[in-house]
Protein backbone atom coordinates (compact mmCIF):
# COMPACT_ATOMS: atom_id res chain seq x y z
CA UNK A 1 -36.37 54.73 18.72
CA UNK A 2 -32.81 54.09 19.91
CA UNK A 3 -30.00 54.82 17.58
CA UNK A 4 -26.71 52.93 17.87
CA UNK A 5 -23.44 54.47 16.86
CA UNK A 6 -21.83 51.91 14.56
CA UNK A 7 -18.63 53.88 14.32
CA UNK A 8 -17.95 53.75 18.01
CA UNK A 9 -14.43 52.61 18.75
CA UNK A 10 -14.42 49.56 20.92
CA UNK A 11 -11.13 48.80 22.63
CA UNK A 12 -11.53 45.11 23.50
CA UNK A 13 -8.73 42.55 23.67
CA UNK A 14 -9.18 39.24 21.83
CA UNK A 15 -9.25 36.25 24.16
CA UNK A 16 -6.18 34.00 24.17
CA UNK A 17 -6.34 30.78 22.16
CA UNK A 18 -6.40 27.74 24.40
CA UNK A 19 -3.59 25.32 23.70
CA UNK A 20 -4.71 22.72 26.15
CA UNK A 21 -6.01 20.40 23.46
CA UNK A 22 -3.04 20.75 21.14
CA UNK A 23 -1.08 17.75 22.53
CA UNK A 24 -4.23 15.52 22.04
CA UNK A 25 -4.53 16.64 18.43
CA UNK A 26 -0.80 15.99 17.81
CA UNK A 27 -1.01 12.49 19.25
CA UNK A 28 -4.19 11.69 17.24
CA UNK A 29 -2.45 12.70 14.05
CA UNK A 30 0.63 10.72 14.96
CA UNK A 31 -1.42 7.62 15.67
CA UNK A 32 -3.31 8.03 12.44
CA UNK A 33 -0.19 8.25 10.32
CA UNK A 34 1.44 5.33 12.17
CA UNK A 35 -1.56 3.10 11.44
CA UNK A 36 -2.06 3.92 7.75
CA UNK A 37 1.52 4.08 6.65
CA UNK A 38 3.12 0.93 5.25
CA UNK A 39 6.81 0.22 5.28
CA UNK A 40 8.26 -0.83 1.96
CA UNK A 41 10.18 -4.06 2.58
CA UNK A 42 12.05 -4.34 -0.67
CA UNK A 43 13.50 -1.99 -3.20
CA UNK A 44 12.41 -3.02 -6.68
CA UNK A 45 15.50 -3.63 -8.79
CA UNK A 46 13.65 -5.20 -11.77
CA UNK A 47 10.99 -3.79 -14.12
CA UNK A 48 7.70 -5.10 -12.87
CA UNK A 49 4.62 -4.38 -15.04
CA UNK A 50 2.28 -7.06 -13.85
CA UNK A 51 -0.07 -8.99 -16.16
CA UNK A 52 -3.82 -8.58 -16.02
CA UNK A 53 -6.24 -11.27 -14.85
CA UNK A 54 -9.99 -11.56 -14.55
CA UNK A 55 -10.26 -14.33 -11.93
CA UNK A 56 -8.22 -13.34 -8.94
CA UNK A 57 -8.05 -14.08 -5.24
CA UNK A 58 -6.37 -11.80 -2.66
CA UNK A 59 -3.80 -13.17 -0.28
CA UNK A 60 -4.73 -11.63 3.12
CA UNK A 61 -1.93 -12.81 5.36
CA UNK A 62 1.32 -11.20 4.21
CA UNK A 63 3.47 -12.93 6.89
CA UNK A 64 3.34 -16.25 4.99
CA UNK A 65 4.48 -14.97 1.61
CA UNK A 66 7.92 -15.42 0.04
CA UNK A 67 8.25 -12.85 -2.75
CA UNK A 68 10.19 -13.44 -5.97
CA UNK A 69 10.43 -10.60 -8.52
CA UNK A 70 11.27 -11.50 -12.12
CA UNK A 71 11.96 -8.92 -14.90
CA UNK A 72 14.59 -6.91 -16.74
CA UNK A 73 17.02 -4.82 -14.71
CA UNK A 74 15.88 -1.26 -14.04
CA UNK A 75 17.87 1.62 -15.57
CA UNK A 76 19.77 2.18 -12.30
CA UNK A 77 20.94 -1.43 -12.21
CA UNK A 78 21.39 -1.89 -15.91
CA UNK A 79 25.02 -0.70 -15.92
CA UNK A 80 26.01 -3.04 -13.10
CA UNK A 81 24.08 -6.18 -14.13
CA UNK A 82 23.63 -5.75 -17.88
CA UNK A 83 20.44 -6.40 -19.81
CA UNK A 84 18.36 -9.50 -19.70
CA UNK A 85 15.94 -11.12 -17.29
CA UNK A 86 16.90 -11.08 -13.61
CA UNK A 87 15.46 -12.67 -10.46
CA UNK A 88 15.27 -10.61 -7.32
CA UNK A 89 14.87 -11.99 -3.76
CA UNK A 90 15.38 -10.06 -0.58
CA UNK A 91 16.88 -6.94 -2.25
CA UNK A 92 19.51 -8.88 -4.27
CA UNK A 93 19.79 -10.56 -7.64
CA UNK A 94 20.02 -14.31 -7.58
CA UNK A 95 20.78 -16.90 -10.26
CA UNK A 96 18.08 -19.45 -11.12
CA UNK A 97 20.14 -22.18 -9.43
CA UNK A 98 20.19 -20.12 -6.12
CA UNK A 99 16.40 -19.61 -5.93
CA UNK A 100 15.78 -22.78 -3.93
CA UNK A 101 18.46 -21.87 -1.33
CA UNK A 102 17.17 -18.34 -0.89
CA UNK A 103 13.52 -19.49 -0.66
CA UNK A 104 14.46 -22.01 2.01
CA UNK A 105 16.33 -19.32 3.88
CA UNK A 106 13.24 -17.06 3.73
CA UNK A 107 11.10 -20.03 4.84
CA UNK A 108 13.24 -20.75 7.85
CA UNK A 109 13.10 -17.09 8.91
CA UNK A 110 9.33 -17.50 9.37
CA UNK A 111 7.86 -18.77 12.62
CA UNK A 112 7.62 -22.57 12.65
CA UNK A 113 3.79 -22.63 12.64
CA UNK A 114 3.70 -20.64 9.38
CA UNK A 115 6.24 -22.69 7.40
CA UNK A 116 3.62 -25.37 6.37
CA UNK A 117 1.25 -22.69 4.98
CA UNK A 118 3.86 -20.51 3.25
CA UNK A 119 3.18 -19.33 -0.27
CA UNK A 120 5.72 -18.33 -2.90
CA UNK A 121 4.46 -15.24 -4.74
CA UNK A 122 6.02 -14.81 -8.20
CA UNK A 123 5.73 -11.16 -9.33
CA UNK A 124 6.83 -11.47 -12.97
CA UNK A 125 6.90 -8.75 -15.56
CA UNK A 126 4.60 -9.19 -18.63
CA UNK A 127 7.64 -9.39 -20.86
CA UNK A 128 9.26 -12.35 -19.04
CA UNK A 129 9.33 -15.55 -21.12
CA UNK A 130 7.44 -18.53 -19.69
CA UNK A 131 10.57 -20.74 -19.89
CA UNK A 132 12.16 -18.68 -17.08
CA UNK A 133 9.01 -19.10 -14.96
CA UNK A 134 9.07 -22.89 -15.64
CA UNK A 135 12.78 -23.04 -14.57
CA UNK A 136 11.85 -21.06 -11.46
CA UNK A 137 8.99 -23.44 -10.62
CA UNK A 138 11.32 -26.40 -11.14
CA UNK A 139 13.82 -25.02 -8.67
CA UNK A 140 11.03 -24.43 -6.09
CA UNK A 141 9.79 -27.97 -6.61
CA UNK A 142 13.25 -29.33 -5.78
CA UNK A 143 13.05 -27.78 -2.31
CA UNK A 144 9.39 -28.83 -1.88
CA UNK A 145 7.84 -25.37 -2.08
CA UNK A 146 4.74 -26.30 -4.07
CA UNK A 147 2.29 -23.57 -3.14
CA UNK A 148 2.84 -20.86 -5.75
CA UNK A 149 0.92 -17.64 -6.50
CA UNK A 150 1.20 -15.33 -9.44
CA UNK A 151 0.64 -11.64 -8.60
CA UNK A 152 -1.48 -9.82 -11.21
CA UNK A 153 -3.62 -6.77 -11.77
CA UNK A 154 -7.35 -7.45 -11.59
CA UNK A 155 -9.52 -6.66 -14.64
CA UNK A 156 -9.14 -6.39 -18.34
CA UNK A 157 -7.04 -3.96 -20.30
CA UNK A 158 -9.63 -1.15 -20.12
CA UNK A 159 -10.19 -1.23 -16.37
CA UNK A 160 -8.26 0.76 -13.78
CA UNK A 161 -5.38 -1.23 -12.41
CA UNK A 162 -5.89 -2.79 -9.03
CA UNK A 163 -3.03 -4.86 -7.66
CA UNK A 164 -3.91 -8.27 -6.24
CA UNK A 165 -1.35 -10.21 -4.23
């Protein structure tokens, strides 16, 4: 029987770690984060707790949407604008009379082939009175923007919230 000495000191050097594949891994990670990251287009300046709905339909093509946020001013903008319901379009507060002009401006910034299929998406807080929404719709009708969507959360009160645009 052969006996091995387990306490024998072995003086071996560890092999060097190959860094040849490191640039490939870095570029794969970079590409991954570039594809999954979304860029926030607007800073929300109004409170926006969306209402819940059971029958919803998702808008797939974001390039045809004109967004209008309606709600009370957030705490950071409360001192500048005061309390009350505000309308936000393109990172600024607008009066109800200016909604049509700003919506047309957003419409004409779209490519011409998308202008006929553009949708106005109203993202109103649950506390907003329906009279303000009616005034908003009247202003949009004056500039012939008739395709309107209301952004909601899908499901009832007891479900997890899933945003549907």
